Amino acid sequence: MAKIATVITNMFEDVEYTDPAKEFKDAGHEVVTIEKEKGKTVTGKNKEAEITIDESIDDVTADQFDALFIPGGFSPDQLRADERFVKFAKQFMDAEKPVFAICHGPQLLITAKALEGRKATGFTSIQVDMEYAKANVQDEEVVVCNNQLVTSRQPDDIPAFKKESLKLLSA
């Protein structure tokens, strides 16, 4: 089973973390939350979910994980201001490990300059940013690129996002 790095901080979109994370765990995968500080509690923007962080970004490397999960909300925008998270995300993309990014999640990949030439989608308001990052943006509920990158636009797309993410994890 896969070990999934999940980069997350306060103001994440609650259901975009809780729903896929539950599905990943139910399928036998390990979901490890990563933020600046191990043991810190982060809260979703709708205040429906609180998560205790498993690991500090300073104590992990991409080599320790099989996949990367980037939930949406305001969390990815905050994380992309920290070079450690940008570098971490880029390492997954460069190694062609599975990356699952929903809603605003691709913002971290934009800053990592990891979307050029890749098919992807994201929340409506970041699609033009993705185009500037030279991604081939598609306005669909889920976009899979090169059997590596799975992206979706919004909470309504979660069922398709989970299905394609799990398909990659079982490949």
C-alpha atoms as a PDB file:
ATOM      1  CA  MET A   1       0.000   0.000   0.000  1.00  0.00           C
ATOM      2  CA  ALA A   2       1.059   3.576  -0.666  1.00  0.00           C
ATOM      3  CA  LYS A   3       2.367   6.146   1.787  1.00  0.00           C
ATOM      4  CA  ILE A   4       0.795   9.494   0.800  1.00  0.00           C
ATOM      5  CA  ALA A   5       2.375  12.805   1.800  1.00  0.00           C
ATOM      6  CA  THR A   6      -0.337  15.400   2.403  1.00  0.00           C
ATOM      7  CA  VAL A   7       0.794  19.020   2.533  1.00  0.00           C
ATOM      8  CA  ILE A   8      -1.758  21.052   4.443  1.00  0.00           C
ATOM      9  CA  THR A   9      -2.171  24.062   6.724  1.00  0.00           C
ATOM     10  CA  ASN A  10      -4.982  26.178   8.165  1.00  0.00           C
ATOM     11  CA  MET A  11      -7.890  27.220   5.942  1.00  0.00           C
ATOM     12  CA  PHE A  12      -7.854  24.044   3.816  1.00  0.00           C
ATOM     13  CA  GLU A  13     -11.164  23.160   2.161  1.00  0.00           C
ATOM     14  CA  ASP A  14     -12.483  20.708   4.774  1.00  0.00           C
ATOM     15  CA  VAL A  15     -14.180  18.149   2.535  1.00  0.00           C
ATOM     16  CA  GLU A  16     -11.366  18.263  -0.049  1.00  0.00           C
ATOM     17  CA  TYR A  17      -9.110  16.781   2.625  1.00  0.00           C
ATOM     18  CA  THR A  18     -11.468  14.660   4.733  1.00  0.00           C
ATOM     19  CA  ASP A  19     -13.297  12.857   1.947  1.00  0.00           C
ATOM     20  CA  PRO A  20     -10.273  11.746  -0.158  1.00  0.00           C
ATOM     21  CA  ALA A  21      -8.166  11.038   2.970  1.00  0.00           C
ATOM     22  CA  LYS A  22     -10.875   8.731   4.330  1.00  0.00           C
ATOM     23  CA  GLU A  23     -11.117   6.947   0.980  1.00  0.00           C
ATOM     24  CA  PHE A  24      -7.319   6.535   0.778  1.00  0.00           C
ATOM     25  CA  LYS A  25      -7.200   5.142   4.339  1.00  0.00           C
ATOM     26  CA  ASP A  26     -10.189   2.843   3.723  1.00  0.00           C
ATOM     27  CA  ALA A  27      -8.306   1.417   0.731  1.00  0.00           C
ATOM     28  CA  GLY A  28      -5.356   0.624   3.007  1.00  0.00           C
ATOM     29  CA  HIS A  29      -3.078   3.555   2.185  1.00  0.00           C
ATOM     30  CA  GLU A  30      -1.255   5.621   4.797  1.00  0.00           C
ATOM     31  CA  VAL A  31      -1.998   9.366   4.787  1.00  0.00           C
ATOM     32  CA  VAL A  32       0.701  11.484   6.460  1.00  0.00           C
ATOM     33  CA  THR A  33      -0.063  15.169   7.088  1.00  0.00           C
ATOM     34  CA  ILE A  34       2.835  17.600   6.700  1.00  0.00           C
ATOM     35  CA  GLU A  35       3.041  21.241   7.765  1.00  0.00           C
ATOM     36  CA  LYS A  36       5.691  23.536   9.218  1.00  0.00           C
ATOM     37  CA  GLU A  37       5.241  22.135  12.720  1.00  0.00           C
ATOM     38  CA  LYS A  38       4.699  18.522  13.796  1.00  0.00           C
ATOM     39  CA  GLY A  39       1.905  18.126  16.364  1.00  0.00           C
ATOM     40  CA  LYS A  40       0.232  21.420  15.434  1.00  0.00           C
ATOM     41  CA  THR A  41      -3.544  21.389  14.938  1.00  0.00           C
ATOM     42  CA  VAL A  42      -4.788  22.923  11.695  1.00  0.00           C
ATOM     43  CA  THR A  43      -8.405  23.831  10.998  1.00  0.00           C
ATOM     44  CA  GLY A  44     -10.397  23.797   7.785  1.00  0.00           C
ATOM     45  CA  LYS A  45     -11.860  27.034   6.484  1.00  0.00           C
ATOM     46  CA  ASN A  46     -15.391  25.818   7.233  1.00  0.00           C
ATOM     47  CA  LYS A  47     -14.302  24.761  10.739  1.00  0.00           C
ATOM     48  CA  GLU A  48     -15.674  21.254  10.082  1.00  0.00           C
ATOM     49  CA  ALA A  49     -12.315  19.497  10.336  1.00  0.00           C
ATOM     50  CA  GLU A  50      -9.315  19.731  12.625  1.00  0.00           C
ATOM     51  CA  ILE A  51      -6.180  17.776  11.869  1.00  0.00           C
ATOM     52  CA  THR A  52      -3.130  17.124  14.029  1.00  0.00           C
ATOM     53  CA  ILE A  53      -0.035  17.343  11.851  1.00  0.00           C
ATOM     54  CA  ASP A  54       2.016  14.141  11.663  1.00  0.00           C
ATOM     55  CA  GLU A  55       5.328  15.529  10.387  1.00  0.00           C
ATOM     56  CA  SER A  56       7.245  18.767   9.941  1.00  0.00           C
ATOM     57  CA  ILE A  57       8.358  19.645   6.400  1.00  0.00           C
ATOM     58  CA  ASP A  58      11.899  19.842   7.843  1.00  0.00           C
ATOM     59  CA  ASP A  59      11.815  16.154   8.828  1.00  0.00           C
ATOM     60  CA  VAL A  60      10.594  14.553   5.590  1.00  0.00           C
ATOM     61  CA  THR A  61      11.815  13.972   2.048  1.00  0.00           C
ATOM     62  CA  ALA A  62       9.893  13.062  -1.074  1.00  0.00           C
ATOM     63  CA  ASP A  63      11.822   9.774  -1.178  1.00  0.00           C
ATOM     64  CA  GLN A  64       9.912   8.597   1.911  1.00  0.00           C
ATOM     65  CA  PHE A  65       6.565   8.704   0.090  1.00  0.00           C
ATOM     66  CA  ASP A  66       4.819   7.086  -2.848  1.00  0.00           C
ATOM     67  CA  ALA A  67       2.441   9.959  -3.679  1.00  0.00           C
ATOM     68  CA  LEU A  68       1.572  13.577  -2.871  1.00  0.00           C
ATOM     69  CA  PHE A  69      -1.900  14.906  -2.010  1.00  0.00           C
ATOM     70  CA  ILE A  70      -2.616  18.660  -2.079  1.00  0.00           C
ATOM     71  CA  PRO A  71      -6.111  19.572  -0.811  1.00  0.00           C
ATOM     72  CA  GLY A  72      -7.569  22.931  -1.834  1.00  0.00           C
ATOM     73  CA  GLY A  73      -8.856  25.955   0.027  1.00  0.00           C
ATOM     74  CA  PHE A  74      -6.446  28.693   1.103  1.00  0.00           C
ATOM     75  CA  SER A  75      -3.884  26.154   2.323  1.00  0.00           C
ATOM     76  CA  PRO A  76      -1.972  25.720  -0.992  1.00  0.00           C
ATOM     77  CA  ASP A  77      -1.641  29.488  -1.443  1.00  0.00           C
ATOM     78  CA  GLN A  78      -0.082  29.774   2.022  1.00  0.00           C
ATOM     79  CA  LEU A  79       2.209  26.793   1.498  1.00  0.00           C
ATOM     80  CA  ARG A  80       3.544  28.048  -1.826  1.00  0.00           C
ATOM     81  CA  ALA A  81       5.000  31.078  -0.037  1.00  0.00           C
ATOM     82  CA  ASP A  82       7.405  28.654   1.696  1.00  0.00           C
ATOM     83  CA  GLU A  83      10.199  27.361  -0.542  1.00  0.00           C
ATOM     84  CA  ARG A  84      10.391  24.080   1.417  1.00  0.00           C
ATOM     85  CA  PHE A  85       6.895  23.075   0.288  1.00  0.00           C
ATOM     86  CA  VAL A  86       7.510  24.247  -3.275  1.00  0.00           C
ATOM     87  CA  LYS A  87      10.678  22.147  -3.501  1.00  0.00           C
ATOM     88  CA  PHE A  88       8.923  19.150  -1.902  1.00  0.00           C
ATOM     89  CA  ALA A  89       6.077  19.270  -4.464  1.00  0.00           C
ATOM     90  CA  LYS A  90       8.500  19.702  -7.350  1.00  0.00           C
ATOM     91  CA  GLN A  91      10.419  16.596  -6.280  1.00  0.00           C
ATOM     92  CA  PHE A  92       7.268  14.467  -6.683  1.00  0.00           C
ATOM     93  CA  MET A  93       6.578  15.924 -10.122  1.00  0.00           C
ATOM     94  CA  ASP A  94      10.187  15.509 -11.266  1.00  0.00           C
ATOM     95  CA  ALA A  95      10.269  11.901  -9.994  1.00  0.00           C
ATOM     96  CA  GLU A  96       6.948  11.240 -11.790  1.00  0.00           C
ATOM     97  CA  LYS A  97       5.335  10.007  -8.578  1.00  0.00           C
ATOM     98  CA  PRO A  98       1.541  10.332  -8.349  1.00  0.00           C
ATOM     99  CA  VAL A  99       0.350  13.819  -7.391  1.00  0.00           C
ATOM    100  CA  PHE A 100      -3.288  14.531  -6.487  1.00  0.00           C
ATOM    101  CA  ALA A 101      -4.275  18.224  -6.417  1.00  0.00           C
ATOM    102  CA  ILE A 102      -7.832  19.504  -6.106  1.00  0.00           C
ATOM    103  CA  CYS A 103      -9.354  22.988  -6.381  1.00  0.00           C
ATOM    104  CA  HIS A 104      -6.598  25.472  -5.395  1.00  0.00           C
ATOM    105  CA  GLY A 105      -4.091  22.623  -4.890  1.00  0.00           C
ATOM    106  CA  PRO A 106      -2.416  23.245  -8.270  1.00  0.00           C
ATOM    107  CA  GLN A 107      -1.262  26.662  -6.970  1.00  0.00           C
ATOM    108  CA  LEU A 108       1.616  24.873  -5.264  1.00  0.00           C
ATOM    109  CA  LEU A 109       2.506  23.189  -8.579  1.00  0.00           C
ATOM    110  CA  ILE A 110       2.344  26.540 -10.399  1.00  0.00           C
ATOM    111  CA  THR A 111       4.909  28.005  -8.003  1.00  0.00           C
ATOM    112  CA  ALA A 112       7.029  24.852  -8.374  1.00  0.00           C
ATOM    113  CA  LYS A 113       7.010  25.477 -12.147  1.00  0.00           C
ATOM    114  CA  ALA A 114       5.879  21.879 -12.573  1.00  0.00           C
ATOM    115  CA  LEU A 115       2.839  22.225 -14.853  1.00  0.00           C
ATOM    116  CA  GLU A 116       4.410  23.186 -18.166  1.00  0.00           C
ATOM    117  CA  GLY A 117       3.117  20.945 -20.945  1.00  0.00           C
ATOM    118  CA  ARG A 118       0.863  18.952 -18.614  1.00  0.00           C
ATOM    119  CA  LYS A 119      -2.896  18.510 -18.851  1.00  0.00           C
ATOM    120  CA  ALA A 120      -4.551  19.756 -15.668  1.00  0.00           C
ATOM    121  CA  THR A 121      -7.506  21.544 -14.146  1.00  0.00           C
ATOM    122  CA  GLY A 122      -8.154  23.597 -11.038  1.00  0.00           C
ATOM    123  CA  PHE A 123     -10.655  25.972  -9.501  1.00  0.00           C
ATOM    124  CA  THR A 124     -12.038  28.500 -11.998  1.00  0.00           C
ATOM    125  CA  SER A 125     -10.146  31.440 -10.492  1.00  0.00           C
ATOM    126  CA  ILE A 126      -6.723  29.781 -10.901  1.00  0.00           C
ATOM    127  CA  GLN A 127      -7.191  28.360 -14.395  1.00  0.00           C
ATOM    128  CA  VAL A 128      -5.689  31.465 -16.044  1.00  0.00           C
ATOM    129  CA  ASP A 129      -2.697  31.206 -13.677  1.00  0.00           C
ATOM    130  CA  MET A 130      -2.317  27.591 -14.774  1.00  0.00           C
ATOM    131  CA  GLU A 131      -2.368  28.735 -18.411  1.00  0.00           C
ATOM    132  CA  TYR A 132       0.386  31.260 -17.640  1.00  0.00           C
ATOM    133  CA  ALA A 133       2.317  28.333 -16.124  1.00  0.00           C
ATOM    134  CA  LYS A 134       1.975  26.702 -19.571  1.00  0.00           C
ATOM    135  CA  ALA A 135      -0.376  23.930 -18.471  1.00  0.00           C
ATOM    136  CA  ASN A 136      -2.892  22.551 -20.950  1.00  0.00           C
ATOM    137  CA  VAL A 137      -5.929  23.535 -18.866  1.00  0.00           C
ATOM    138  CA  GLN A 138      -9.118  21.539 -19.302  1.00  0.00           C
ATOM    139  CA  ASP A 139     -12.369  22.485 -17.594  1.00  0.00           C
ATOM    140  CA  GLU A 140     -13.407  18.956 -16.591  1.00  0.00           C
ATOM    141  CA  GLU A 141     -14.291  17.330 -13.270  1.00  0.00           C
ATOM    142  CA  VAL A 142     -11.066  15.332 -13.290  1.00  0.00           C
ATOM    143  CA  VAL A 143      -7.997  15.416 -15.520  1.00  0.00           C
ATOM    144  CA  VAL A 144      -5.328  12.706 -15.465  1.00  0.00           C
ATOM    145  CA  CYS A 145      -1.978  13.464 -17.105  1.00  0.00           C
ATOM    146  CA  ASN A 146       0.639  10.817 -17.911  1.00  0.00           C
ATOM    147  CA  ASN A 147      -0.694   8.407 -15.285  1.00  0.00           C
ATOM    148  CA  GLN A 148       0.888  10.703 -12.709  1.00  0.00           C
ATOM    149  CA  LEU A 149      -1.032  13.922 -12.113  1.00  0.00           C
ATOM    150  CA  VAL A 150      -4.697  13.919 -11.042  1.00  0.00           C
ATOM    151  CA  THR A 151      -6.411  17.314 -10.761  1.00  0.00           C
ATOM    152  CA  SER A 152      -9.988  18.429 -10.108  1.00  0.00           C
ATOM    153  CA  ARG A 153     -11.802  21.771  -9.878  1.00  0.00           C
ATOM    154  CA  GLN A 154     -14.002  21.831  -6.781  1.00  0.00           C
ATOM    155  CA  PRO A 155     -15.766  19.828  -4.057  1.00  0.00           C
ATOM    156  CA  ASP A 156     -18.438  18.580  -6.513  1.00  0.00           C
ATOM    157  CA  ASP A 157     -15.641  16.787  -8.397  1.00  0.00           C
ATOM    158  CA  ILE A 158     -14.462  14.773  -5.374  1.00  0.00           C
ATOM    159  CA  PRO A 159     -16.033  11.434  -6.440  1.00  0.00           C
ATOM    160  CA  ALA A 160     -14.218  11.494  -9.813  1.00  0.00           C
ATOM    161  CA  PHE A 161     -11.029  12.796  -8.125  1.00  0.00           C
ATOM    162  CA  LYS A 162     -11.034   9.915  -5.611  1.00  0.00           C
ATOM    163  CA  LYS A 163     -11.755   7.324  -8.291  1.00  0.00           C
ATOM    164  CA  GLU A 164      -8.855   8.391 -10.527  1.00  0.00           C
ATOM    165  CA  SER A 165      -6.470   8.891  -7.583  1.00  0.00           C
ATOM    166  CA  LEU A 166      -7.202   5.415  -6.246  1.00  0.00           C
ATOM    167  CA  LYS A 167      -6.781   3.968  -9.735  1.00  0.00           C
ATOM    168  CA  LEU A 168      -3.249   5.422  -9.895  1.00  0.00           C
ATOM    169  CA  LEU A 169      -2.421   4.162  -6.415  1.00  0.00           C
ATOM    170  CA  SER A 170      -3.404   0.620  -7.358  1.00  0.00           C
ATOM    171  CA  ALA A 171      -1.461   0.625 -10.641  1.00  0.00           C
END
